[in-house]
Amino acid sequence: MLDFGWAELFLIAAVAVFVIGPKDIPNVMRSLGKLMRRFQYMKHAISQQFEDIMHDVDVTDVNYEAHRAPEGIEFNEAEEDEDVMLPLDHEKKEAE
C-alpha cells in the first residue's frame, strides 16, 4: 500500500526544507500533527458508532430469534397472570 523507505522519507524531507523553508517547518509539522489527531479521533468515533449499531442489531436479532415460535406452531397471547404462552392447539385439547 504505502510503503516508504528511508530514501523516500529523506527525499520528502529535503523537498519540504526547500519548498517550506527551515523556519516554517516546525509550524507545518505541528499543524500536520493536529490534523492527524483529528483524523484519528474521527476514525475512532465512526468505528465506535458502527460497533454500537452492530451491537444493537445483534441484540435485536437475538431477541427476535429467542422469542420466535418454532415453525408450524402458533402462539396465542398470554394472559396477564400467566408467565408462559401456550400453543393454539392447547385450547382445543382443553375444550374436548
PDB file of N, CA and C in Angstrom:
ATOM      1  N   MET A   1       0.840  -1.172   0.000  1.00  0.00           N
ATOM      2  CA  MET A   1       0.000   0.000   0.000  1.00  0.00           C
ATOM      3  C   MET A   1       0.889   1.240   0.000  1.00  0.00           C
ATOM      4  N   LEU A   2       1.123   1.850   1.140  1.00  0.00           N
ATOM      5  CA  LEU A   2       2.040   2.990   1.222  1.00  0.00           C
ATOM      6  C   LEU A   2       3.334   2.492   1.865  1.00  0.00           C
ATOM      7  N   ASP A   3       4.244   2.094   1.040  1.00  0.00           N
ATOM      8  CA  ASP A   3       5.499   1.541   1.537  1.00  0.00           C
ATOM      9  C   ASP A   3       6.601   2.573   1.325  1.00  0.00           C
ATOM     10  N   PHE A   4       6.951   3.282   2.399  1.00  0.00           N
ATOM     11  CA  PHE A   4       8.006   4.286   2.340  1.00  0.00           C
ATOM     12  C   PHE A   4       9.275   3.719   2.950  1.00  0.00           C
ATOM     13  N   GLY A   5      10.378   3.870   2.233  1.00  0.00           N
ATOM     14  CA  GLY A   5      11.679   3.502   2.763  1.00  0.00           C
ATOM     15  C   GLY A   5      12.412   4.746   3.224  1.00  0.00           C
ATOM     16  N   TRP A   6      13.652   4.568   3.694  1.00  0.00           N
ATOM     17  CA  TRP A   6      14.441   5.708   4.167  1.00  0.00           C
ATOM     18  C   TRP A   6      14.746   6.690   3.049  1.00  0.00           C
ATOM     19  N   ALA A   7      14.960   6.185   1.853  1.00  0.00           N
ATOM     20  CA  ALA A   7      15.281   7.062   0.723  1.00  0.00           C
ATOM     21  C   ALA A   7      14.102   7.984   0.398  1.00  0.00           C
ATOM     22  N   GLU A   8      12.888   7.434   0.390  1.00  0.00           N
ATOM     23  CA  GLU A   8      11.708   8.246   0.099  1.00  0.00           C
ATOM     24  C   GLU A   8      11.484   9.294   1.190  1.00  0.00           C
ATOM     25  N   LEU A   9      11.651   8.902   2.464  1.00  0.00           N
ATOM     26  CA  LEU A   9      11.468   9.845   3.564  1.00  0.00           C
ATOM     27  C   LEU A   9      12.496  10.972   3.506  1.00  0.00           C
ATOM     28  N   PHE A  10      13.733  10.640   3.173  1.00  0.00           N
ATOM     29  CA  PHE A  10      14.779  11.665   3.050  1.00  0.00           C
ATOM     30  C   PHE A  10      14.455  12.628   1.913  1.00  0.00           C
ATOM     31  N   LEU A  11      13.977  12.092   0.801  1.00  0.00           N
ATOM     32  CA  LEU A  11      13.606  12.928  -0.342  1.00  0.00           C
ATOM     33  C   LEU A  11      12.450  13.870   0.018  1.00  0.00           C
ATOM     34  N   ILE A  12      11.443  13.374   0.719  1.00  0.00           N
ATOM     35  CA  ILE A  12      10.316  14.214   1.136  1.00  0.00           C
ATOM     36  C   ILE A  12      10.789  15.304   2.077  1.00  0.00           C
ATOM     37  N   ALA A  13      11.665  14.969   3.028  1.00  0.00           N
ATOM     38  CA  ALA A  13      12.189  15.963   3.972  1.00  0.00           C
ATOM     39  C   ALA A  13      12.996  17.032   3.238  1.00  0.00           C
ATOM     40  N   ALA A  14      13.808  16.629   2.269  1.00  0.00           N
ATOM     41  CA  ALA A  14      14.620  17.592   1.523  1.00  0.00           C
ATOM     42  C   ALA A  14      13.738  18.539   0.707  1.00  0.00           C
ATOM     43  N   VAL A  15      12.729  17.995   0.062  1.00  0.00           N
ATOM     44  CA  VAL A  15      11.814  18.838  -0.713  1.00  0.00           C
ATOM     45  C   VAL A  15      11.068  19.783   0.223  1.00  0.00           C
ATOM     46  N   ALA A  16      10.663  19.295   1.410  1.00  0.00           N
ATOM     47  CA  ALA A  16       9.948  20.138   2.373  1.00  0.00           C
ATOM     48  C   ALA A  16      10.820  21.293   2.837  1.00  0.00           C
ATOM     49  N   VAL A  17      12.130  21.047   3.067  1.00  0.00           N
ATOM     50  CA  VAL A  17      13.035  22.120   3.502  1.00  0.00           C
ATOM     51  C   VAL A  17      13.145  23.182   2.418  1.00  0.00           C
ATOM     52  N   PHE A  18      13.239  22.776   1.165  1.00  0.00           N
ATOM     53  CA  PHE A  18      13.371  23.744   0.076  1.00  0.00           C
ATOM     54  C   PHE A  18      12.055  24.482  -0.211  1.00  0.00           C
ATOM     55  N   VAL A  19      10.938  23.788  -0.157  1.00  0.00           N
ATOM     56  CA  VAL A  19       9.655  24.399  -0.504  1.00  0.00           C
ATOM     57  C   VAL A  19       9.116  25.244   0.649  1.00  0.00           C
ATOM     58  N   ILE A  20       9.117  24.680   1.856  1.00  0.00           N
ATOM     59  CA  ILE A  20       8.517  25.358   3.001  1.00  0.00           C
ATOM     60  C   ILE A  20       9.497  26.334   3.648  1.00  0.00           C
ATOM     61  N   GLY A  21      10.709  25.923   3.741  1.00  0.00           N
ATOM     62  CA  GLY A  21      11.713  26.749   4.408  1.00  0.00           C
ATOM     63  C   GLY A  21      11.971  26.235   5.809  1.00  0.00           C
ATOM     64  N   PRO A  22      13.209  26.352   6.280  1.00  0.00           N
ATOM     65  CA  PRO A  22      13.557  25.780   7.575  1.00  0.00           C
ATOM     66  C   PRO A  22      12.847  26.464   8.755  1.00  0.00           C
ATOM     67  N   LYS A  23      12.472  27.737   8.617  1.00  0.00           N
ATOM     68  CA  LYS A  23      11.823  28.433   9.735  1.00  0.00           C
ATOM     69  C   LYS A  23      10.374  27.992   9.934  1.00  0.00           C
ATOM     70  N   ASP A  24       9.686  27.636   8.862  1.00  0.00           N
ATOM     71  CA  ASP A  24       8.272  27.293   8.946  1.00  0.00           C
ATOM     72  C   ASP A  24       8.006  25.799   9.148  1.00  0.00           C
ATOM     73  N   ILE A  25       9.015  24.966   9.076  1.00  0.00           N
ATOM     74  CA  ILE A  25       8.818  23.516   9.211  1.00  0.00           C
ATOM     75  C   ILE A  25       8.213  23.130  10.565  1.00  0.00           C
ATOM     76  N   PRO A  26       8.663  23.697  11.714  1.00  0.00           N
ATOM     77  CA  PRO A  26       8.011  23.314  12.984  1.00  0.00           C
ATOM     78  C   PRO A  26       6.514  23.640  13.012  1.00  0.00           C
ATOM     79  N   ASN A  27       6.119  24.788  12.463  1.00  0.00           N
ATOM     80  CA  ASN A  27       4.691  25.138  12.426  1.00  0.00           C
ATOM     81  C   ASN A  27       3.902  24.188  11.532  1.00  0.00           C
ATOM     82  N   VAL A  28       4.476  23.828  10.406  1.00  0.00           N
ATOM     83  CA  VAL A  28       3.814  22.904   9.486  1.00  0.00           C
ATOM     84  C   VAL A  28       3.688  21.524  10.122  1.00  0.00           C
ATOM     85  N   MET A  29       4.735  21.072  10.801  1.00  0.00           N
ATOM     86  CA  MET A  29       4.693  19.759  11.456  1.00  0.00           C
ATOM     87  C   MET A  29       3.643  19.754  12.574  1.00  0.00           C
ATOM     88  N   ARG A  30       3.557  20.837  13.323  1.00  0.00           N
ATOM     89  CA  ARG A  30       2.558  20.951  14.388  1.00  0.00           C
ATOM     90  C   ARG A  30       1.150  20.897  13.784  1.00  0.00           C
ATOM     91  N   SER A  31       0.942  21.595  12.697  1.00  0.00           N
ATOM     92  CA  SER A  31      -0.365  21.584  12.025  1.00  0.00           C
ATOM     93  C   SER A  31      -0.700  20.192  11.491  1.00  0.00           C
ATOM     94  N   LEU A  32       0.296  19.530  10.932  1.00  0.00           N
ATOM     95  CA  LEU A  32       0.068  18.157  10.451  1.00  0.00           C
ATOM     96  C   LEU A  32      -0.262  17.210  11.606  1.00  0.00           C
ATOM     97  N   GLY A  33       0.399  17.397  12.740  1.00  0.00           N
ATOM     98  CA  GLY A  33       0.103  16.581  13.913  1.00  0.00           C
ATOM     99  C   GLY A  33      -1.324  16.767  14.395  1.00  0.00           C
ATOM    100  N   LYS A  34      -1.789  18.035  14.426  1.00  0.00           N
ATOM    101  CA  LYS A  34      -3.171  18.307  14.820  1.00  0.00           C
ATOM    102  C   LYS A  34      -4.152  17.687  13.832  1.00  0.00           C
ATOM    103  N   LEU A  35      -3.832  17.795  12.547  1.00  0.00           N
ATOM    104  CA  LEU A  35      -4.694  17.217  11.524  1.00  0.00           C
ATOM    105  C   LEU A  35      -4.779  15.697  11.664  1.00  0.00           C
ATOM    106  N   MET A  36      -3.643  15.062  11.892  1.00  0.00           N
ATOM    107  CA  MET A  36      -3.624  13.607  12.069  1.00  0.00           C
ATOM    108  C   MET A  36      -4.409  13.206  13.316  1.00  0.00           C
ATOM    109  N   ARG A  37      -4.304  13.985  14.389  1.00  0.00           N
ATOM    110  CA  ARG A  37      -5.046  13.702  15.613  1.00  0.00           C
ATOM    111  C   ARG A  37      -6.547  13.790  15.349  1.00  0.00           C
ATOM    112  N   ARG A  38      -6.965  14.789  14.579  1.00  0.00           N
ATOM    113  CA  ARG A  38      -8.389  14.908  14.239  1.00  0.00           C
ATOM    114  C   ARG A  38      -8.864  13.720  13.425  1.00  0.00           C
ATOM    115  N   PHE A  39      -8.059  13.304  12.446  1.00  0.00           N
ATOM    116  CA  PHE A  39      -8.433  12.138  11.643  1.00  0.00           C
ATOM    117  C   PHE A  39      -8.545  10.891  12.507  1.00  0.00           C
ATOM    118  N   GLN A  40      -7.617  10.697  13.431  1.00  0.00           N
ATOM    119  CA  GLN A  40      -7.675   9.530  14.301  1.00  0.00           C
ATOM    120  C   GLN A  40      -8.916   9.574  15.189  1.00  0.00           C
ATOM    121  N   TYR A  41      -9.250  10.757  15.712  1.00  0.00           N
ATOM    122  CA  TYR A  41     -10.455  10.882  16.535  1.00  0.00           C
ATOM    123  C   TYR A  41     -11.706  10.580  15.717  1.00  0.00           C
ATOM    124  N   MET A  42     -11.766  11.116  14.494  1.00  0.00           N
ATOM    125  CA  MET A  42     -12.925  10.852  13.641  1.00  0.00           C
ATOM    126  C   MET A  42     -13.032   9.370  13.318  1.00  0.00           C
ATOM    127  N   LYS A  43     -11.911   8.728  13.049  1.00  0.00           N
ATOM    128  CA  LYS A  43     -11.912   7.295  12.759  1.00  0.00           C
ATOM    129  C   LYS A  43     -12.416   6.511  13.965  1.00  0.00           C
ATOM    130  N   HIS A  44     -11.956   6.885  15.149  1.00  0.00           N
ATOM    131  CA  HIS A  44     -12.391   6.213  16.371  1.00  0.00           C
ATOM    132  C   HIS A  44     -13.884   6.428  16.606  1.00  0.00           C
ATOM    133  N   ALA A  45     -14.363   7.663  16.431  1.00  0.00           N
ATOM    134  CA  ALA A  45     -15.771   7.968  16.660  1.00  0.00           C
ATOM    135  C   ALA A  45     -16.665   7.205  15.682  1.00  0.00           C
ATOM    136  N   ILE A  46     -16.268   7.158  14.423  1.00  0.00           N
ATOM    137  CA  ILE A  46     -17.066   6.446  13.425  1.00  0.00           C
ATOM    138  C   ILE A  46     -17.082   4.950  13.703  1.00  0.00           C
ATOM    139  N   SER A  47     -15.933   4.378  14.040  1.00  0.00           N
ATOM    140  CA  SER A  47     -15.900   2.944  14.320  1.00  0.00           C
ATOM    141  C   SER A  47     -16.686   2.619  15.586  1.00  0.00           C
ATOM    142  N   GLN A  48     -16.679   3.508  16.582  1.00  0.00           N
ATOM    143  CA  GLN A  48     -17.452   3.284  17.801  1.00  0.00           C
ATOM    144  C   GLN A  48     -18.949   3.328  17.500  1.00  0.00           C
ATOM    145  N   GLN A  49     -19.383   4.276  16.674  1.00  0.00           N
ATOM    146  CA  GLN A  49     -20.785   4.336  16.283  1.00  0.00           C
ATOM    147  C   GLN A  49     -21.189   3.099  15.500  1.00  0.00           C
ATOM    148  N   PHE A  50     -20.323   2.644  14.617  1.00  0.00           N
ATOM    149  CA  PHE A  50     -20.605   1.433  13.840  1.00  0.00           C
ATOM    150  C   PHE A  50     -20.746   0.231  14.763  1.00  0.00           C
ATOM    151  N   GLU A  51     -19.854   0.091  15.733  1.00  0.00           N
ATOM    152  CA  GLU A  51     -19.927  -1.036  16.659  1.00  0.00           C
ATOM    153  C   GLU A  51     -21.170  -0.952  17.528  1.00  0.00           C
ATOM    154  N   ASP A  52     -21.573   0.243  17.937  1.00  0.00           N
ATOM    155  CA  ASP A  52     -22.802   0.405  18.712  1.00  0.00           C
ATOM    156  C   ASP A  52     -24.013  -0.020  17.902  1.00  0.00           C
ATOM    157  N   ILE A  53     -24.049   0.383  16.633  1.00  0.00           N
ATOM    158  CA  ILE A  53     -25.165  -0.006  15.766  1.00  0.00           C
ATOM    159  C   ILE A  53     -25.182  -1.514  15.576  1.00  0.00           C
ATOM    160  N   MET A  54     -24.037  -2.108  15.331  1.00  0.00           N
ATOM    161  CA  MET A  54     -23.974  -3.561  15.137  1.00  0.00           C
ATOM    162  C   MET A  54     -24.395  -4.294  16.410  1.00  0.00           C
ATOM    163  N   HIS A  55     -24.015  -3.773  17.566  1.00  0.00           N
ATOM    164  CA  HIS A  55     -24.413  -4.393  18.828  1.00  0.00           C
ATOM    165  C   HIS A  55     -25.926  -4.330  18.988  1.00  0.00           C
ATOM    166  N   ASP A  56     -26.543  -3.181  18.673  1.00  0.00           N
ATOM    167  CA  ASP A  56     -27.993  -3.045  18.773  1.00  0.00           C
ATOM    168  C   ASP A  56     -28.691  -3.996  17.820  1.00  0.00           C
ATOM    169  N   VAL A  57     -28.180  -4.134  16.605  1.00  0.00           N
ATOM    170  CA  VAL A  57     -28.784  -5.033  15.632  1.00  0.00           C
ATOM    171  C   VAL A  57     -28.643  -6.480  16.104  1.00  0.00           C
ATOM    172  N   ASP A  58     -27.490  -6.858  16.607  1.00  0.00           N
ATOM    173  CA  ASP A  58     -27.286  -8.220  17.084  1.00  0.00           C
ATOM    174  C   ASP A  58     -28.220  -8.529  18.242  1.00  0.00           C
ATOM    175  N   VAL A  59     -28.381  -7.608  19.176  1.00  0.00           N
ATOM    176  CA  VAL A  59     -29.255  -7.830  20.315  1.00  0.00           C
ATOM    177  C   VAL A  59     -30.693  -7.962  19.845  1.00  0.00           C
ATOM    178  N   THR A  60     -31.106  -7.148  18.894  1.00  0.00           N
ATOM    179  CA  THR A  60     -32.468  -7.220  18.373  1.00  0.00           C
ATOM    180  C   THR A  60     -32.699  -8.557  17.677  1.00  0.00           C
ATOM    181  N   ASP A  61     -31.746  -8.996  16.858  1.00  0.00           N
ATOM    182  CA  ASP A  61     -31.886 -10.277  16.163  1.00  0.00           C
ATOM    183  C   ASP A  61     -31.936 -11.438  17.136  1.00  0.00           C
ATOM    184  N   VAL A  62     -31.085 -11.414  18.148  1.00  0.00           N
ATOM    185  CA  VAL A  62     -31.066 -12.492  19.134  1.00  0.00           C
ATOM    186  C   VAL A  62     -32.375 -12.501  19.906  1.00  0.00           C
ATOM    187  N   ASN A  63     -32.871 -11.325  20.269  1.00  0.00           N
ATOM    188  CA  ASN A  63     -34.134 -11.231  20.989  1.00  0.00           C
ATOM    189  C   ASN A  63     -35.279 -11.769  20.135  1.00  0.00           C
ATOM    190  N   TYR A  64     -35.270 -11.422  18.834  1.00  0.00           N
ATOM    191  CA  TYR A  64     -36.308 -11.920  17.934  1.00  0.00           C
ATOM    192  C   TYR A  64     -36.239 -13.438  17.814  1.00  0.00           C
ATOM    193  N   GLU A  65     -35.059 -13.957  17.610  1.00  0.00           N
ATOM    194  CA  GLU A  65     -34.903 -15.408  17.456  1.00  0.00           C
ATOM    195  C   GLU A  65     -35.285 -16.148  18.730  1.00  0.00           C
ATOM    196  N   ALA A  66     -35.016 -15.571  19.885  1.00  0.00           N
ATOM    197  CA  ALA A  66     -35.328 -16.234  21.145  1.00  0.00           C
ATOM    198  C   ALA A  66     -36.832 -16.278  21.387  1.00  0.00           C
ATOM    199  N   HIS A  67     -37.559 -15.278  20.903  1.00  0.00           N
ATOM    200  CA  HIS A  67     -38.995 -15.224  21.155  1.00  0.00           C
ATOM    201  C   HIS A  67     -39.833 -15.689  19.975  1.00  0.00           C
ATOM    202  N   ARG A  68     -39.192 -16.126  18.937  1.00  0.00           N
ATOM    203  CA  ARG A  68     -39.896 -16.591  17.747  1.00  0.00           C
ATOM    204  C   ARG A  68     -40.420 -18.000  17.988  1.00  0.00           C
ATOM    205  N   ALA A  69     -41.606 -18.260  17.538  1.00  0.00           N
ATOM    206  CA  ALA A  69     -42.206 -19.587  17.684  1.00  0.00           C
ATOM    207  C   ALA A  69     -41.559 -20.546  16.698  1.00  0.00           C
ATOM    208  N   PRO A  70     -41.412 -21.794  17.087  1.00  0.00           N
ATOM    209  CA  PRO A  70     -40.911 -22.785  16.124  1.00  0.00           C
ATOM    210  C   PRO A  70     -41.873 -22.885  14.946  1.00  0.00           C
ATOM    211  N   GLU A  71     -41.376 -23.305  13.809  1.00  0.00           N
ATOM    212  CA  GLU A  71     -42.201 -23.381  12.615  1.00  0.00           C
ATOM    213  C   GLU A  71     -43.346 -24.363  12.826  1.00  0.00           C
ATOM    214  N   GLY A  72     -44.537 -23.954  12.379  1.00  0.00           N
ATOM    215  CA  GLY A  72     -45.702 -24.820  12.471  1.00  0.00           C
ATOM    216  C   GLY A  72     -46.480 -24.648  13.763  1.00  0.00           C
ATOM    217  N   ILE A  73     -45.987 -23.906  14.713  1.00  0.00           N
ATOM    218  CA  ILE A  73     -46.697 -23.696  15.973  1.00  0.00           C
ATOM    219  C   ILE A  73     -47.007 -22.215  16.098  1.00  0.00           C
ATOM    220  N   GLU A  74     -48.264 -21.904  16.302  1.00  0.00           N
ATOM    221  CA  GLU A  74     -48.664 -20.528  16.520  1.00  0.00           C
ATOM    222  C   GLU A  74     -48.988 -20.361  17.993  1.00  0.00           C
ATOM    223  N   PHE A  75     -48.630 -19.231  18.540  1.00  0.00           N
ATOM    224  CA  PHE A  75     -48.902 -18.964  19.936  1.00  0.00           C
ATOM    225  C   PHE A  75     -50.003 -17.928  20.056  1.00  0.00           C
ATOM    226  N   ASN A  76     -50.892 -18.159  21.047  1.00  0.00           N
ATOM    227  CA  ASN A  76     -51.878 -17.124  21.340  1.00  0.00           C
ATOM    228  C   ASN A  76     -51.314 -16.227  22.432  1.00  0.00           C
ATOM    229  N   GLU A  77     -51.959 -15.096  22.646  1.00  0.00           N
ATOM    230  CA  GLU A  77     -51.465 -14.137  23.632  1.00  0.00           C
ATOM    231  C   GLU A  77     -51.583 -14.722  25.032  1.00  0.00           C
ATOM    232  N   ALA A  78     -50.597 -14.508  25.853  1.00  0.00           N
ATOM    233  CA  ALA A  78     -50.618 -14.984  27.231  1.00  0.00           C
ATOM    234  C   ALA A  78     -51.498 -14.065  28.063  1.00  0.00           C
ATOM    235  N   GLU A  79     -52.182 -14.642  29.025  1.00  0.00           N
ATOM    236  CA  GLU A  79     -52.967 -13.819  29.927  1.00  0.00           C
ATOM    237  C   GLU A  79     -52.027 -13.098  30.865  1.00  0.00           C
ATOM    238  N   GLU A  80     -52.533 -12.058  31.500  1.00  0.00           N
ATOM    239  CA  GLU A  80     -51.675 -11.218  32.322  1.00  0.00           C
ATOM    240  C   GLU A  80     -51.062 -11.968  33.495  1.00  0.00           C
ATOM    241  N   ASP A  81     -51.793 -12.947  34.065  1.00  0.00           N
ATOM    242  CA  ASP A  81     -51.258 -13.648  35.222  1.00  0.00           C
ATOM    243  C   ASP A  81     -50.392 -14.848  34.834  1.00  0.00           C
ATOM    244  N   GLU A  82     -50.341 -15.191  33.543  1.00  0.00           N
ATOM    245  CA  GLU A  82     -49.521 -16.307  33.103  1.00  0.00           C
ATOM    246  C   GLU A  82     -48.140 -15.828  32.692  1.00  0.00           C
ATOM    247  N   ASP A  83     -47.144 -16.669  32.936  1.00  0.00           N
ATOM    248  CA  ASP A  83     -45.781 -16.329  32.550  1.00  0.00           C
ATOM    249  C   ASP A  83     -45.370 -16.970  31.234  1.00  0.00           C
ATOM    250  N   VAL A  84     -46.172 -17.912  30.737  1.00  0.00           N
ATOM    251  CA  VAL A  84     -45.808 -18.616  29.509  1.00  0.00           C
ATOM    252  C   VAL A  84     -46.903 -18.447  28.474  1.00  0.00           C
ATOM    253  N   MET A  85     -46.549 -18.667  27.249  1.00  0.00           N
ATOM    254  CA  MET A  85     -47.517 -18.635  26.162  1.00  0.00           C
ATOM    255  C   MET A  85     -47.808 -20.080  25.760  1.00  0.00           C
ATOM    256  N   LEU A  86     -49.074 -20.384  25.567  1.00  0.00           N
ATOM    257  CA  LEU A  86     -49.471 -21.736  25.231  1.00  0.00           C
ATOM    258  C   LEU A  86     -49.741 -21.836  23.737  1.00  0.00           C
ATOM    259  N   PRO A  87     -49.458 -22.999  23.135  1.00  0.00           N
ATOM    260  CA  PRO A  87     -49.784 -23.179  21.718  1.00  0.00           C
ATOM    261  C   PRO A  87     -51.290 -23.113  21.503  1.00  0.00           C
ATOM    262  N   LEU A  88     -51.722 -22.726  20.292  1.00  0.00           N
ATOM    263  CA  LEU A  88     -53.140 -22.627  19.990  1.00  0.00           C
ATOM    264  C   LEU A  88     -53.844 -23.958  20.114  1.00  0.00           C
ATOM    265  N   ASP A  89     -53.192 -25.054  19.750  1.00  0.00           N
ATOM    266  CA  ASP A  89     -53.836 -26.359  19.836  1.00  0.00           C
ATOM    267  C   ASP A  89     -54.068 -26.807  21.275  1.00  0.00           C
ATOM    268  N   HIS A  90     -53.436 -26.145  22.254  1.00  0.00           N
ATOM    269  CA  HIS A  90     -53.631 -26.466  23.669  1.00  0.00           C
ATOM    270  C   HIS A  90     -55.070 -26.153  24.089  1.00  0.00           C
ATOM    271  N   GLU A  91     -55.656 -25.051  23.581  1.00  0.00           N
ATOM    272  CA  GLU A  91     -57.016 -24.684  23.897  1.00  0.00           C
ATOM    273  C   GLU A  91     -57.998 -25.728  23.330  1.00  0.00           C
ATOM    274  N   LYS A  92     -57.703 -26.262  22.160  1.00  0.00           N
ATOM    275  CA  LYS A  92     -58.568 -27.270  21.556  1.00  0.00           C
ATOM    276  C   LYS A  92     -58.590 -28.534  22.393  1.00  0.00           C
ATOM    277  N   LYS A  93     -57.436 -28.916  22.936  1.00  0.00           N
ATOM    278  CA  LYS A  93     -57.351 -30.135  23.749  1.00  0.00           C
ATOM    279  C   LYS A  93     -58.103 -29.946  25.065  1.00  0.00           C
ATOM    280  N   GLU A  94     -58.058 -28.744  25.662  1.00  0.00           N
ATOM    281  CA  GLU A  94     -58.763 -28.486  26.910  1.00  0.00           C
ATOM    282  C   GLU A  94     -60.279 -28.462  26.699  1.00  0.00           C
ATOM    283  N   ALA A  95     -60.707 -27.999  25.533  1.00  0.00           N
ATOM    284  CA  ALA A  95     -62.138 -27.906  25.265  1.00  0.00           C
ATOM    285  C   ALA A  95     -62.764 -29.273  25.071  1.00  0.00           C
ATOM    286  N   GLU A  96     -61.998 -30.258  24.686  1.00  0.00           N
ATOM    287  CA  GLU A  96     -62.547 -31.602  24.405  1.00  0.00           C
ATOM    288  C   GLU A  96     -62.844 -32.362  25.633  1.00  0.00           C
TER     289      GLU A  96
END
